[in-house]
């Protein structure tokens, strides 16, 4: 048996919609959840592998390896990881910013962007972001991800909308890797052949899903809801590989986390299973 984690946002649809059709394995149990939940389950040994925040690998690199050629990434705008704010980000120093509790990577990224790149230090709080209003509790900024960010963007509540992947790309010239497919070292030792079969299935589903993107958008756009054209633009901008530029991006992100005391120095060099 293998216990697999899958992010429950539509950004995984090019992989997961095909998986649900073509990988009917009763011994491969999939748990759908937000990234932070999958992080916790993988760290606790309740999952064997899955798509988790790249931060989770950096926090506990001794426990994992990264499956080759798989990620949830963007080069430039990602379209679903935003800092929404009532004022420009450079004016958020000392202001209250509400952070989603659904992604450790995005929380780390927004703090790096605000504190390291822009040079301001807000006050932070963590909570439910969808439904929050800019006039409630003095909140001047909201970090939202995934489907909630898509909804907030469509509702156009906030005058300033900062796409974090785009900001990172402008600063570093690199993509940003939001999630990797991490596998526990102990599972690899016990079940390497199963790991290889799952890895191959992920890659096959991804390749087929990208070819079938218009059909998949028709299927998932209503979950937001958004129109199919907007969904196609969004999923078309997502990247699911882990090429050399994305590995360099992970190294840059992890180096910043290590320098801030927020990650294990053992996160570098990367350990990749192929």
C-alpha atoms as a PDB file:
ATOM      1  CA  UNK A   1       0.000   0.000   0.000  1.00  0.00           C
ATOM      2  CA  UNK A   2       1.077   3.595  -0.663  1.00  0.00           C
ATOM      3  CA  UNK A   3      -0.428   6.692   0.944  1.00  0.00           C
ATOM      4  CA  UNK A   4      -0.289   9.671  -1.427  1.00  0.00           C
ATOM      5  CA  UNK A   5      -1.024  13.345  -0.811  1.00  0.00           C
ATOM      6  CA  UNK A   6      -2.623  15.544  -3.480  1.00  0.00           C
ATOM      7  CA  UNK A   7      -3.257  19.284  -3.162  1.00  0.00           C
ATOM      8  CA  UNK A   8      -6.999  19.936  -3.424  1.00  0.00           C
ATOM      9  CA  UNK A   9      -6.789  23.088  -5.592  1.00  0.00           C
ATOM     10  CA  UNK A  10      -7.531  23.247  -9.305  1.00  0.00           C
ATOM     11  CA  UNK A  11      -3.842  23.931 -10.011  1.00  0.00           C
ATOM     12  CA  UNK A  12      -3.218  20.174  -9.727  1.00  0.00           C
ATOM     13  CA  UNK A  13      -6.014  19.349 -12.212  1.00  0.00           C
ATOM     14  CA  UNK A  14      -3.723  18.652 -15.202  1.00  0.00           C
ATOM     15  CA  UNK A  15      -2.221  15.807 -13.168  1.00  0.00           C
ATOM     16  CA  UNK A  16      -5.017  14.751 -10.854  1.00  0.00           C
ATOM     17  CA  UNK A  17      -7.977  14.707 -13.258  1.00  0.00           C
ATOM     18  CA  UNK A  18      -6.112  12.234 -15.469  1.00  0.00           C
ATOM     19  CA  UNK A  19      -4.929  10.275 -12.411  1.00  0.00           C
ATOM     20  CA  UNK A  20      -8.527   9.759 -11.254  1.00  0.00           C
ATOM     21  CA  UNK A  21      -9.420   8.310 -14.664  1.00  0.00           C
ATOM     22  CA  UNK A  22      -6.365   6.219 -15.444  1.00  0.00           C
ATOM     23  CA  UNK A  23      -4.822   5.070 -12.152  1.00  0.00           C
ATOM     24  CA  UNK A  24      -7.511   2.927 -10.500  1.00  0.00           C
ATOM     25  CA  UNK A  25      -5.230   1.357  -7.887  1.00  0.00           C
ATOM     26  CA  UNK A  26      -7.010   0.382  -4.675  1.00  0.00           C
ATOM     27  CA  UNK A  27      -3.633  -0.013  -2.952  1.00  0.00           C
ATOM     28  CA  UNK A  28      -2.640   3.599  -3.726  1.00  0.00           C
ATOM     29  CA  UNK A  29      -4.673   5.698  -1.313  1.00  0.00           C
ATOM     30  CA  UNK A  30      -4.937   9.408  -2.139  1.00  0.00           C
ATOM     31  CA  UNK A  31      -5.622  12.076   0.479  1.00  0.00           C
ATOM     32  CA  UNK A  32      -6.793  15.443  -0.876  1.00  0.00           C
ATOM     33  CA  UNK A  33      -6.032  18.453   1.337  1.00  0.00           C
ATOM     34  CA  UNK A  34      -4.475  21.933   1.409  1.00  0.00           C
ATOM     35  CA  UNK A  35      -0.657  21.990   1.333  1.00  0.00           C
ATOM     36  CA  UNK A  36      -0.244  22.719   5.058  1.00  0.00           C
ATOM     37  CA  UNK A  37      -2.335  19.659   5.955  1.00  0.00           C
ATOM     38  CA  UNK A  38      -0.351  17.448   3.595  1.00  0.00           C
ATOM     39  CA  UNK A  39       2.865  18.841   5.106  1.00  0.00           C
ATOM     40  CA  UNK A  40       1.729  17.806   8.569  1.00  0.00           C
ATOM     41  CA  UNK A  41       0.610  14.343   7.469  1.00  0.00           C
ATOM     42  CA  UNK A  42       3.857  13.644   5.614  1.00  0.00           C
ATOM     43  CA  UNK A  43       5.959  14.858   8.542  1.00  0.00           C
ATOM     44  CA  UNK A  44       3.956  12.649  10.909  1.00  0.00           C
ATOM     45  CA  UNK A  45       4.483   9.572   8.732  1.00  0.00           C
ATOM     46  CA  UNK A  46       0.778   9.418   7.850  1.00  0.00           C
ATOM     47  CA  UNK A  47       1.583   9.837   4.148  1.00  0.00           C
ATOM     48  CA  UNK A  48       4.365   8.162   2.188  1.00  0.00           C
ATOM     49  CA  UNK A  49       4.736  10.750  -0.548  1.00  0.00           C
ATOM     50  CA  UNK A  50       2.880  13.589  -2.203  1.00  0.00           C
ATOM     51  CA  UNK A  51       2.752  17.178  -3.311  1.00  0.00           C
ATOM     52  CA  UNK A  52       3.690  19.340  -0.339  1.00  0.00           C
ATOM     53  CA  UNK A  53       4.945  22.873   0.214  1.00  0.00           C
ATOM     54  CA  UNK A  54       8.554  23.223  -0.863  1.00  0.00           C
ATOM     55  CA  UNK A  55       9.052  24.688   2.620  1.00  0.00           C
ATOM     56  CA  UNK A  56       8.254  21.269   4.124  1.00  0.00           C
ATOM     57  CA  UNK A  57      11.251  19.726   2.398  1.00  0.00           C
ATOM     58  CA  UNK A  58      13.467  22.596   3.597  1.00  0.00           C
ATOM     59  CA  UNK A  59      12.255  22.196   7.170  1.00  0.00           C
ATOM     60  CA  UNK A  60      12.927  18.435   7.409  1.00  0.00           C
ATOM     61  CA  UNK A  61      15.292  17.461   4.572  1.00  0.00           C
ATOM     62  CA  UNK A  62      16.682  14.471   6.452  1.00  0.00           C
ATOM     63  CA  UNK A  63      13.293  12.740   6.112  1.00  0.00           C
ATOM     64  CA  UNK A  64      12.672  13.196   2.382  1.00  0.00           C
ATOM     65  CA  UNK A  65      13.809  13.146  -1.168  1.00  0.00           C
ATOM     66  CA  UNK A  66      12.259  15.101  -4.035  1.00  0.00           C
ATOM     67  CA  UNK A  67      10.798  13.205  -6.984  1.00  0.00           C
ATOM     68  CA  UNK A  68      12.523  14.315 -10.174  1.00  0.00           C
ATOM     69  CA  UNK A  69      10.770  16.428 -12.814  1.00  0.00           C
ATOM     70  CA  UNK A  70       7.664  17.188 -10.708  1.00  0.00           C
ATOM     71  CA  UNK A  71       6.601  20.445  -9.086  1.00  0.00           C
ATOM     72  CA  UNK A  72       3.904  23.101  -8.960  1.00  0.00           C
ATOM     73  CA  UNK A  73       5.724  26.184 -10.211  1.00  0.00           C
ATOM     74  CA  UNK A  74       5.453  29.376 -12.215  1.00  0.00           C
ATOM     75  CA  UNK A  75       7.854  31.546 -14.182  1.00  0.00           C
ATOM     76  CA  UNK A  76       6.333  34.975 -13.782  1.00  0.00           C
ATOM     77  CA  UNK A  77       2.714  35.408 -12.623  1.00  0.00           C
ATOM     78  CA  UNK A  78       1.177  32.341 -11.001  1.00  0.00           C
ATOM     79  CA  UNK A  79      -2.307  33.837 -10.718  1.00  0.00           C
ATOM     80  CA  UNK A  80      -3.248  32.159  -7.437  1.00  0.00           C
ATOM     81  CA  UNK A  81      -0.779  33.314  -4.780  1.00  0.00           C
ATOM     82  CA  UNK A  82      -1.454  36.955  -3.964  1.00  0.00           C
ATOM     83  CA  UNK A  83      -0.834  39.579  -1.363  1.00  0.00           C
ATOM     84  CA  UNK A  84      -4.035  41.625  -1.480  1.00  0.00           C
ATOM     85  CA  UNK A  85      -3.722  44.997   0.250  1.00  0.00           C
ATOM     86  CA  UNK A  86      -5.447  48.305   0.870  1.00  0.00           C
ATOM     87  CA  UNK A  87      -2.154  50.179   0.395  1.00  0.00           C
ATOM     88  CA  UNK A  88       0.961  49.506  -1.712  1.00  0.00           C
ATOM     89  CA  UNK A  89       3.099  46.723  -0.182  1.00  0.00           C
ATOM     90  CA  UNK A  90       5.824  49.245   0.614  1.00  0.00           C
ATOM     91  CA  UNK A  91       3.413  50.950   3.030  1.00  0.00           C
ATOM     92  CA  UNK A  92       2.579  47.828   5.039  1.00  0.00           C
ATOM     93  CA  UNK A  93       5.271  48.362   7.680  1.00  0.00           C
ATOM     94  CA  UNK A  94       3.632  48.067  11.097  1.00  0.00           C
ATOM     95  CA  UNK A  95       0.258  47.249   9.502  1.00  0.00           C
ATOM     96  CA  UNK A  96      -1.693  44.050  10.129  1.00  0.00           C
ATOM     97  CA  UNK A  97      -1.382  41.379   7.429  1.00  0.00           C
ATOM     98  CA  UNK A  98      -3.595  38.294   7.566  1.00  0.00           C
ATOM     99  CA  UNK A  99      -1.809  35.122   6.424  1.00  0.00           C
ATOM    100  CA  UNK A 100      -3.501  32.005   5.149  1.00  0.00           C
ATOM    101  CA  UNK A 101      -2.882  28.911   7.225  1.00  0.00           C
ATOM    102  CA  UNK A 102      -2.984  26.704   4.129  1.00  0.00           C
ATOM    103  CA  UNK A 103       0.584  27.031   2.816  1.00  0.00           C
ATOM    104  CA  UNK A 104       3.889  27.280   4.642  1.00  0.00           C
ATOM    105  CA  UNK A 105       5.739  28.105   1.417  1.00  0.00           C
ATOM    106  CA  UNK A 106       3.589  31.109   0.552  1.00  0.00           C
ATOM    107  CA  UNK A 107       3.811  32.460   4.105  1.00  0.00           C
ATOM    108  CA  UNK A 108       7.599  32.271   3.945  1.00  0.00           C
ATOM    109  CA  UNK A 109       7.633  33.813   0.484  1.00  0.00           C
ATOM    110  CA  UNK A 110       5.474  36.817   1.400  1.00  0.00           C
ATOM    111  CA  UNK A 111       7.624  37.496   4.449  1.00  0.00           C
ATOM    112  CA  UNK A 112      10.802  37.338   2.339  1.00  0.00           C
ATOM    113  CA  UNK A 113       9.287  39.683  -0.238  1.00  0.00           C
ATOM    114  CA  UNK A 114       8.081  42.200   2.345  1.00  0.00           C
ATOM    115  CA  UNK A 115      11.011  42.059   4.758  1.00  0.00           C
ATOM    116  CA  UNK A 116      14.005  41.255   2.530  1.00  0.00           C
ATOM    117  CA  UNK A 117      13.080  42.626  -0.908  1.00  0.00           C
ATOM    118  CA  UNK A 118      10.855  45.602  -0.017  1.00  0.00           C
ATOM    119  CA  UNK A 119      12.227  46.303   3.463  1.00  0.00           C
ATOM    120  CA  UNK A 120       9.068  46.608   5.556  1.00  0.00           C
ATOM    121  CA  UNK A 121       7.988  44.605   8.608  1.00  0.00           C
ATOM    122  CA  UNK A 122       4.227  44.274   9.093  1.00  0.00           C
ATOM    123  CA  UNK A 123       2.389  42.696  11.992  1.00  0.00           C
ATOM    124  CA  UNK A 124       1.181  39.224  11.079  1.00  0.00           C
ATOM    125  CA  UNK A 125      -1.793  37.133  12.081  1.00  0.00           C
ATOM    126  CA  UNK A 126      -2.963  33.770  10.732  1.00  0.00           C
ATOM    127  CA  UNK A 127      -6.552  32.862   9.993  1.00  0.00           C
ATOM    128  CA  UNK A 128      -9.288  32.313   7.448  1.00  0.00           C
ATOM    129  CA  UNK A 129      -8.739  34.723   4.577  1.00  0.00           C
ATOM    130  CA  UNK A 130     -11.806  34.236   2.430  1.00  0.00           C
ATOM    131  CA  UNK A 131     -14.594  36.401   3.768  1.00  0.00           C
ATOM    132  CA  UNK A 132     -12.233  38.793   5.567  1.00  0.00           C
ATOM    133  CA  UNK A 133     -12.835  42.471   4.798  1.00  0.00           C
ATOM    134  CA  UNK A 134     -10.266  45.210   4.710  1.00  0.00           C
ATOM    135  CA  UNK A 135     -12.205  47.191   7.313  1.00  0.00           C
ATOM    136  CA  UNK A 136     -12.358  44.318   9.806  1.00  0.00           C
ATOM    137  CA  UNK A 137      -9.885  44.183  12.697  1.00  0.00           C
ATOM    138  CA  UNK A 138      -7.575  46.725  11.047  1.00  0.00           C
ATOM    139  CA  UNK A 139      -6.414  44.276   8.381  1.00  0.00           C
ATOM    140  CA  UNK A 140      -4.540  46.030   5.569  1.00  0.00           C
ATOM    141  CA  UNK A 141      -3.128  42.997   3.765  1.00  0.00           C
ATOM    142  CA  UNK A 142      -4.253  39.432   3.069  1.00  0.00           C
ATOM    143  CA  UNK A 143      -2.133  36.553   1.805  1.00  0.00           C
ATOM    144  CA  UNK A 144      -4.384  34.146  -0.085  1.00  0.00           C
ATOM    145  CA  UNK A 145      -3.522  31.113  -2.178  1.00  0.00           C
ATOM    146  CA  UNK A 146      -5.123  28.574  -4.450  1.00  0.00           C
ATOM    147  CA  UNK A 147      -8.830  28.669  -5.120  1.00  0.00           C
ATOM    148  CA  UNK A 148      -9.427  31.319  -2.440  1.00  0.00           C
ATOM    149  CA  UNK A 149      -6.979  33.668  -4.152  1.00  0.00           C
ATOM    150  CA  UNK A 150      -8.721  33.078  -7.463  1.00  0.00           C
ATOM    151  CA  UNK A 151     -12.056  34.021  -5.893  1.00  0.00           C
ATOM    152  CA  UNK A 152     -10.712  37.138  -4.169  1.00  0.00           C
ATOM    153  CA  UNK A 153      -9.100  38.264  -7.392  1.00  0.00           C
ATOM    154  CA  UNK A 154     -12.329  37.859  -9.338  1.00  0.00           C
ATOM    155  CA  UNK A 155     -14.249  39.771  -6.645  1.00  0.00           C
ATOM    156  CA  UNK A 156     -11.706  42.620  -6.903  1.00  0.00           C
ATOM    157  CA  UNK A 157     -12.055  43.627  -3.247  1.00  0.00           C
ATOM    158  CA  UNK A 158      -8.556  45.026  -2.811  1.00  0.00           C
ATOM    159  CA  UNK A 159      -7.002  47.886  -4.809  1.00  0.00           C
ATOM    160  CA  UNK A 160      -3.502  46.347  -4.678  1.00  0.00           C
ATOM    161  CA  UNK A 161      -2.935  42.766  -5.846  1.00  0.00           C
ATOM    162  CA  UNK A 162       0.669  41.534  -5.761  1.00  0.00           C
ATOM    163  CA  UNK A 163       1.337  38.228  -7.509  1.00  0.00           C
ATOM    164  CA  UNK A 164       4.124  36.760  -5.392  1.00  0.00           C
ATOM    165  CA  UNK A 165       5.614  34.548  -8.098  1.00  0.00           C
ATOM    166  CA  UNK A 166       5.795  37.518 -10.452  1.00  0.00           C
ATOM    167  CA  UNK A 167       7.469  39.664  -7.777  1.00  0.00           C
ATOM    168  CA  UNK A 168       9.984  36.881  -7.040  1.00  0.00           C
ATOM    169  CA  UNK A 169      10.734  36.478 -10.747  1.00  0.00           C
ATOM    170  CA  UNK A 170      11.304  40.206 -11.158  1.00  0.00           C
ATOM    171  CA  UNK A 171      13.719  40.211  -8.219  1.00  0.00           C
ATOM    172  CA  UNK A 172      15.637  37.008  -8.954  1.00  0.00           C
ATOM    173  CA  UNK A 173      15.099  36.198 -12.632  1.00  0.00           C
ATOM    174  CA  UNK A 174      14.020  32.717 -11.524  1.00  0.00           C
ATOM    175  CA  UNK A 175      10.799  30.700 -11.442  1.00  0.00           C
ATOM    176  CA  UNK A 176       9.207  30.011  -8.082  1.00  0.00           C
ATOM    177  CA  UNK A 177       8.536  26.465  -6.914  1.00  0.00           C
ATOM    178  CA  UNK A 178       5.520  26.392  -4.623  1.00  0.00           C
ATOM    179  CA  UNK A 179       5.287  22.630  -4.185  1.00  0.00           C
ATOM    180  CA  UNK A 180       7.434  19.593  -4.766  1.00  0.00           C
ATOM    181  CA  UNK A 181       6.546  15.932  -4.730  1.00  0.00           C
ATOM    182  CA  UNK A 182       8.399  14.699  -1.653  1.00  0.00           C
ATOM    183  CA  UNK A 183       8.819  11.079  -0.627  1.00  0.00           C
ATOM    184  CA  UNK A 184       9.827   9.766   2.756  1.00  0.00           C
ATOM    185  CA  UNK A 185      13.264   8.149   2.862  1.00  0.00           C
ATOM    186  CA  UNK A 186      11.862   5.300   4.945  1.00  0.00           C
ATOM    187  CA  UNK A 187       9.255   4.520   2.279  1.00  0.00           C
ATOM    188  CA  UNK A 188      11.937   4.533  -0.408  1.00  0.00           C
ATOM    189  CA  UNK A 189      13.998   2.044   1.554  1.00  0.00           C
ATOM    190  CA  UNK A 190      11.018  -0.269   2.016  1.00  0.00           C
ATOM    191  CA  UNK A 191       9.207   0.162  -1.336  1.00  0.00           C
ATOM    192  CA  UNK A 192      11.495   1.592  -4.000  1.00  0.00           C
ATOM    193  CA  UNK A 193       9.765  -0.227  -6.873  1.00  0.00           C
ATOM    194  CA  UNK A 194       6.360   1.090  -5.801  1.00  0.00           C
ATOM    195  CA  UNK A 195       7.863   4.575  -5.562  1.00  0.00           C
ATOM    196  CA  UNK A 196       9.144   4.282  -9.121  1.00  0.00           C
ATOM    197  CA  UNK A 197       5.729   3.131 -10.359  1.00  0.00           C
ATOM    198  CA  UNK A 198       3.963   6.054  -8.684  1.00  0.00           C
ATOM    199  CA  UNK A 199       6.568   8.491  -9.993  1.00  0.00           C
ATOM    200  CA  UNK A 200       6.074   7.171 -13.527  1.00  0.00           C
ATOM    201  CA  UNK A 201       2.286   7.452 -13.161  1.00  0.00           C
ATOM    202  CA  UNK A 202       2.537  11.082 -12.036  1.00  0.00           C
ATOM    203  CA  UNK A 203       4.734  11.960 -15.013  1.00  0.00           C
ATOM    204  CA  UNK A 204       2.450  10.154 -17.467  1.00  0.00           C
ATOM    205  CA  UNK A 205      -0.675  11.817 -16.065  1.00  0.00           C
ATOM    206  CA  UNK A 206       0.981  15.232 -16.218  1.00  0.00           C
ATOM    207  CA  UNK A 207       2.007  14.825 -19.845  1.00  0.00           C
ATOM    208  CA  UNK A 208      -1.445  13.601 -20.881  1.00  0.00           C
ATOM    209  CA  UNK A 209      -3.191  16.245 -18.817  1.00  0.00           C
ATOM    210  CA  UNK A 210      -1.306  19.107 -20.423  1.00  0.00           C
ATOM    211  CA  UNK A 211      -2.389  17.843 -23.836  1.00  0.00           C
ATOM    212  CA  UNK A 212      -6.013  17.688 -22.629  1.00  0.00           C
ATOM    213  CA  UNK A 213      -5.967  21.098 -20.932  1.00  0.00           C
ATOM    214  CA  UNK A 214      -9.056  22.599 -22.670  1.00  0.00           C
ATOM    215  CA  UNK A 215     -11.155  19.601 -21.655  1.00  0.00           C
ATOM    216  CA  UNK A 216      -9.836  19.694 -18.093  1.00  0.00           C
ATOM    217  CA  UNK A 217     -10.599  23.416 -17.816  1.00  0.00           C
ATOM    218  CA  UNK A 218     -14.195  22.736 -18.870  1.00  0.00           C
ATOM    219  CA  UNK A 219     -14.387  20.260 -16.017  1.00  0.00           C
ATOM    220  CA  UNK A 220     -12.848  22.276 -13.171  1.00  0.00           C
ATOM    221  CA  UNK A 221     -13.519  25.964 -13.909  1.00  0.00           C
ATOM    222  CA  UNK A 222     -16.954  25.855 -12.276  1.00  0.00           C
ATOM    223  CA  UNK A 223     -15.379  25.055  -8.902  1.00  0.00           C
ATOM    224  CA  UNK A 224     -14.200  28.665  -8.499  1.00  0.00           C
ATOM    225  CA  UNK A 225     -16.394  29.632 -10.470  1.00  0.00           C
ATOM    226  CA  UNK A 226     -14.506  31.143 -13.393  1.00  0.00           C
ATOM    227  CA  UNK A 227     -15.001  31.004 -17.125  1.00  0.00           C
ATOM    228  CA  UNK A 228     -13.166  28.391 -19.152  1.00  0.00           C
ATOM    229  CA  UNK A 229     -11.021  30.927 -20.983  1.00  0.00           C
ATOM    230  CA  UNK A 230      -9.717  32.351 -17.691  1.00  0.00           C
ATOM    231  CA  UNK A 231      -9.151  28.834 -16.360  1.00  0.00           C
ATOM    232  CA  UNK A 232      -7.176  27.937 -19.487  1.00  0.00           C
ATOM    233  CA  UNK A 233      -4.957  31.003 -19.065  1.00  0.00           C
ATOM    234  CA  UNK A 234      -4.417  30.171 -15.404  1.00  0.00           C
ATOM    235  CA  UNK A 235      -3.578  26.481 -15.809  1.00  0.00           C
ATOM    236  CA  UNK A 236      -1.604  27.230 -18.965  1.00  0.00           C
ATOM    237  CA  UNK A 237       0.732  29.415 -16.915  1.00  0.00           C
ATOM    238  CA  UNK A 238       1.370  26.709 -14.333  1.00  0.00           C
ATOM    239  CA  UNK A 239       4.471  24.546 -14.726  1.00  0.00           C
ATOM    240  CA  UNK A 240       4.785  21.014 -13.422  1.00  0.00           C
ATOM    241  CA  UNK A 241       8.391  20.071 -14.149  1.00  0.00           C
ATOM    242  CA  UNK A 242      11.541  20.516 -12.075  1.00  0.00           C
ATOM    243  CA  UNK A 243      14.123  21.577 -14.633  1.00  0.00           C
ATOM    244  CA  UNK A 244      17.479  23.160 -13.868  1.00  0.00           C
ATOM    245  CA  UNK A 245      16.052  26.672 -13.489  1.00  0.00           C
ATOM    246  CA  UNK A 246      13.516  25.456 -10.938  1.00  0.00           C
ATOM    247  CA  UNK A 247      16.198  23.612  -9.015  1.00  0.00           C
ATOM    248  CA  UNK A 248      18.171  26.859  -8.934  1.00  0.00           C
ATOM    249  CA  UNK A 249      15.043  28.613  -7.687  1.00  0.00           C
ATOM    250  CA  UNK A 250      14.665  26.100  -4.869  1.00  0.00           C
ATOM    251  CA  UNK A 251      18.295  26.616  -3.919  1.00  0.00           C
ATOM    252  CA  UNK A 252      17.833  30.401  -3.810  1.00  0.00           C
ATOM    253  CA  UNK A 253      14.645  30.123  -1.735  1.00  0.00           C
ATOM    254  CA  UNK A 254      16.179  27.611   0.665  1.00  0.00           C
ATOM    255  CA  UNK A 255      19.320  29.730   1.041  1.00  0.00           C
ATOM    256  CA  UNK A 256      17.185  32.694   2.083  1.00  0.00           C
ATOM    257  CA  UNK A 257      15.237  30.538   4.537  1.00  0.00           C
ATOM    258  CA  UNK A 258      18.449  29.152   6.027  1.00  0.00           C
ATOM    259  CA  UNK A 259      19.900  32.649   6.406  1.00  0.00           C
ATOM    260  CA  UNK A 260      16.727  33.693   8.228  1.00  0.00           C
ATOM    261  CA  UNK A 261      16.950  30.668  10.540  1.00  0.00           C
ATOM    262  CA  UNK A 262      13.722  29.236   9.120  1.00  0.00           C
ATOM    263  CA  UNK A 263      15.040  26.092   7.432  1.00  0.00           C
ATOM    264  CA  UNK A 264      17.457  23.259   8.086  1.00  0.00           C
ATOM    265  CA  UNK A 265      20.908  23.848   6.514  1.00  0.00           C
ATOM    266  CA  UNK A 266      20.704  20.239   5.343  1.00  0.00           C
ATOM    267  CA  UNK A 267      18.152  21.356   2.738  1.00  0.00           C
ATOM    268  CA  UNK A 268      21.145  22.016   0.493  1.00  0.00           C
ATOM    269  CA  UNK A 269      22.252  20.370  -1.665  1.00  0.00           C
ATOM    270  CA  UNK A 270      18.939  19.049  -2.992  1.00  0.00           C
ATOM    271  CA  UNK A 271      18.310  15.328  -2.786  1.00  0.00           C
ATOM    272  CA  UNK A 272      16.420  14.198  -5.883  1.00  0.00           C
ATOM    273  CA  UNK A 273      15.092  10.716  -6.584  1.00  0.00           C
ATOM    274  CA  UNK A 274      14.812   9.735 -10.233  1.00  0.00           C
END
